[in-house]
Amino acid sequence: MPRSIVRVGVVAVILAAGVITPNAAAAQCWLPPVNGIVVDPFRQPPCRWCPGNRGIEYRVGSGATVRAVAAGEVVYSGSVAGVGYVVVRHRDGRRATYGRLEERLVRRGDAVISRSVVGRAIGTFHFGLRDGDRYLDPAPFLGELVGLTRLVPVDRSSPRPAGKARVVCGSSQNPR
């Protein structure tokens, strides 16, 4: 049996077993890199040089903390037209761009972990995501931290402990 047929059969079995899904990238769910208000969502430009918004723009306070959405390696930390930017390549090869930084706290080659501080924003903040040369809308990858809802006893007995908080994507409160 030719090797290519065997490979295709193995991949089909793995997909059928649910070990790897064709849309594995959509399963990622990150906390947003900043606490802020989305003022300009992603707009895919119709051509490489056409206008659009290749990320999400947030309104944040000057000096707002900017955190890495996922672990990776800093592949760029510098200025573009006098404005600070940090780019982190994640383990899956995608690159997250953290822009409009007044202070960059990481350098090229640094390893970052999820939620580590990479910089401080100017007052507006840009978050972008690329896969190769293709810009992706980061919004579907961003979620919110939620806890489990529980009732508090009215008879003054001890309440049960709250459940563990988790990140949930696709919430109605998630800016799109």
Protein backbone atom coordinates (compact mmCIF):
# COMPACT_ATOMS: atom_id res chain seq x y z
CA MET A 1 0.00 0.00 0.00
CA PRO A 2 1.49 3.41 -0.94
CA ARG A 3 2.64 5.57 2.00
CA SER A 4 0.40 8.52 1.00
CA ILE A 5 -2.72 6.36 1.30
CA VAL A 6 -1.60 5.15 4.73
CA ARG A 7 -1.01 8.77 5.89
CA VAL A 8 -4.44 9.86 4.65
CA GLY A 9 -6.03 6.90 6.46
CA VAL A 10 -4.21 7.72 9.73
CA VAL A 11 -5.28 11.40 9.54
CA ALA A 12 -8.89 10.36 8.84
CA VAL A 13 -8.88 8.02 11.86
CA ILE A 14 -7.43 10.75 14.12
CA LEU A 15 -10.04 13.27 12.91
CA ALA A 16 -12.85 10.78 13.36
CA ALA A 17 -11.66 10.00 16.89
CA GLY A 18 -11.82 13.68 17.75
CA VAL A 19 -8.16 13.88 18.75
CA ILE A 20 -7.54 16.72 16.30
CA THR A 21 -10.33 18.83 14.90
CA PRO A 22 -10.12 20.60 11.55
CA ASN A 23 -11.03 23.85 13.30
CA ALA A 24 -8.64 23.47 16.25
CA ALA A 25 -7.61 27.12 16.02
CA ALA A 26 -11.14 28.26 16.87
CA ALA A 27 -10.95 26.29 20.11
CA GLN A 28 -8.48 28.81 21.57
CA CYS A 29 -9.95 31.34 23.94
CA TRP A 30 -7.84 34.12 25.45
CA LEU A 31 -8.49 36.91 27.87
CA PRO A 32 -8.21 40.31 26.14
CA PRO A 33 -4.75 41.92 26.36
CA VAL A 34 -6.14 45.08 28.01
CA ASN A 35 -9.07 46.32 30.05
CA GLY A 36 -10.67 48.80 27.71
CA ILE A 37 -13.49 49.63 25.37
CA VAL A 38 -13.41 48.50 21.74
CA VAL A 39 -13.67 51.67 19.64
CA ASP A 40 -12.82 50.20 16.23
CA PRO A 41 -13.30 46.49 15.42
CA PHE A 42 -11.42 44.43 12.83
CA ARG A 43 -12.25 45.26 9.21
CA GLN A 44 -10.56 43.08 6.60
CA PRO A 45 -9.08 45.29 3.87
CA PRO A 46 -10.21 44.28 0.35
CA CYS A 47 -6.61 44.28 -0.90
CA ARG A 48 -3.10 44.24 0.56
CA TRP A 49 -2.70 48.04 0.49
CA CYS A 50 -6.36 49.00 0.87
CA PRO A 51 -7.75 50.71 3.97
CA GLY A 52 -9.27 48.66 6.77
CA ASN A 53 -8.49 47.83 10.36
CA ARG A 54 -6.09 44.92 10.66
CA GLY A 55 -6.84 44.44 14.36
CA ILE A 56 -8.94 45.74 17.22
CA GLU A 57 -8.56 49.27 18.61
CA TYR A 58 -9.24 49.81 22.31
CA ARG A 59 -9.65 53.01 24.29
CA VAL A 60 -7.68 52.59 27.52
CA GLY A 61 -6.15 54.90 30.05
CA SER A 62 -2.63 56.19 29.44
CA GLY A 63 -0.18 53.72 30.94
CA ALA A 64 -2.71 50.86 30.88
CA THR A 65 -1.15 47.44 31.39
CA VAL A 66 -0.88 45.31 28.23
CA ARG A 67 -0.66 41.54 28.76
CA ALA A 68 0.30 38.70 26.43
CA VAL A 69 -2.78 36.70 25.42
CA ALA A 70 -0.77 33.47 25.16
CA ALA A 71 2.73 32.12 25.62
CA GLY A 72 5.32 32.67 22.91
CA GLU A 73 8.53 34.39 21.86
CA VAL A 74 8.98 38.11 21.26
CA VAL A 75 10.02 38.45 17.61
CA TYR A 76 9.85 42.27 17.49
CA SER A 77 10.06 44.99 20.10
CA GLY A 78 10.62 48.44 18.72
CA SER A 79 9.15 51.56 17.19
CA VAL A 80 7.26 52.11 13.95
CA ALA A 81 7.00 55.80 13.05
CA GLY A 82 7.89 56.67 16.66
CA VAL A 83 5.20 54.42 18.20
CA GLY A 84 6.04 51.31 20.26
CA TYR A 85 5.08 47.82 19.11
CA VAL A 86 5.67 44.29 20.38
CA VAL A 87 5.06 41.17 18.28
CA VAL A 88 4.85 37.73 19.94
CA ARG A 89 4.96 34.51 17.91
CA HIS A 90 2.85 31.83 19.57
CA ARG A 91 3.60 28.13 19.54
CA ASP A 92 1.10 27.60 16.70
CA GLY A 93 3.05 30.07 14.51
CA ARG A 94 0.52 32.90 14.67
CA ARG A 95 1.80 36.34 15.64
CA ALA A 96 0.04 38.73 18.00
CA THR A 97 0.77 42.45 17.63
CA TYR A 98 0.53 44.76 20.62
CA GLY A 99 0.67 48.35 19.39
CA ARG A 100 0.62 51.97 20.47
CA LEU A 101 2.79 51.31 23.48
CA GLU A 102 4.42 54.10 25.45
CA GLU A 103 6.60 51.54 27.20
CA ARG A 104 7.80 48.14 25.97
CA LEU A 105 8.77 45.78 28.81
CA VAL A 106 10.08 42.88 26.69
CA ARG A 107 12.85 42.55 24.13
CA ARG A 108 13.33 40.47 21.00
CA GLY A 109 14.07 36.88 21.96
CA ASP A 110 12.30 37.05 25.33
CA ALA A 111 9.93 34.23 26.18
CA VAL A 112 6.57 35.34 27.51
CA ILE A 113 3.90 33.38 29.29
CA SER A 114 0.17 33.95 29.06
CA ARG A 115 -0.92 37.11 30.93
CA SER A 116 2.65 38.41 31.43
CA VAL A 117 3.02 42.17 31.03
CA VAL A 118 4.54 43.17 27.67
CA GLY A 119 4.07 46.94 27.88
CA ARG A 120 2.01 49.99 28.75
CA ALA A 121 -0.45 51.60 26.33
CA ILE A 122 -0.51 55.22 25.18
CA GLY A 123 -4.27 55.73 25.69
CA THR A 124 -5.39 53.89 22.62
CA PHE A 125 -4.21 50.36 22.02
CA HIS A 126 -4.03 48.14 18.92
CA PHE A 127 -4.24 44.34 19.08
CA GLY A 128 -3.69 42.39 15.89
CA LEU A 129 -3.31 38.74 14.92
CA ARG A 130 -1.62 37.24 11.84
CA ASP A 131 -1.28 33.77 10.42
CA GLY A 132 1.58 33.99 7.95
CA ASP A 133 0.77 37.03 5.80
CA ARG A 134 -2.97 36.81 6.50
CA TYR A 135 -4.58 39.12 9.03
CA LEU A 136 -7.11 37.44 11.31
CA ASP A 137 -9.95 38.96 13.28
CA PRO A 138 -8.76 38.54 16.89
CA ALA A 139 -12.29 38.96 18.37
CA PRO A 140 -13.35 35.28 18.01
CA PHE A 141 -10.27 34.29 20.04
CA LEU A 142 -11.05 36.69 22.90
CA GLY A 143 -13.34 35.75 25.73
CA GLU A 144 -14.19 36.87 29.19
CA LEU A 145 -13.52 35.49 32.64
CA VAL A 146 -16.70 34.08 34.17
CA GLY A 147 -17.44 32.25 37.39
CA LEU A 148 -20.20 29.86 38.26
CA THR A 149 -23.44 31.40 39.48
CA ARG A 150 -24.46 30.26 42.94
CA LEU A 151 -27.19 31.13 45.39
CA VAL A 152 -26.28 32.56 48.78
CA PRO A 153 -28.26 30.96 51.63
CA VAL A 154 -30.73 33.26 53.40
CA ASP A 155 -30.73 31.17 56.58
CA ARG A 156 -27.22 32.39 57.49
CA SER A 157 -25.68 28.96 56.93
CA SER A 158 -22.27 28.84 55.30
CA PRO A 159 -22.38 29.32 51.54
CA ARG A 160 -20.80 26.72 49.33
CA PRO A 161 -17.48 27.76 47.81
CA ALA A 162 -17.69 29.46 44.44
CA GLY A 163 -16.72 27.44 41.38
CA LYS A 164 -13.48 28.01 39.54
CA ALA A 165 -13.54 30.92 37.08
CA ARG A 166 -12.87 30.12 33.42
CA VAL A 167 -12.46 31.94 30.14
CA VAL A 168 -15.47 31.71 27.82
CA CYS A 169 -15.47 32.76 24.16
CA GLY A 170 -18.51 33.68 22.15
CA SER A 171 -20.26 35.49 24.98
CA SER A 172 -22.87 38.11 24.21
CA GLN A 173 -20.71 40.60 26.11
CA ASN A 174 -17.67 39.88 23.95
CA PRO A 175 -17.14 42.81 21.54
CA ARG A 176 -17.24 41.66 17.92
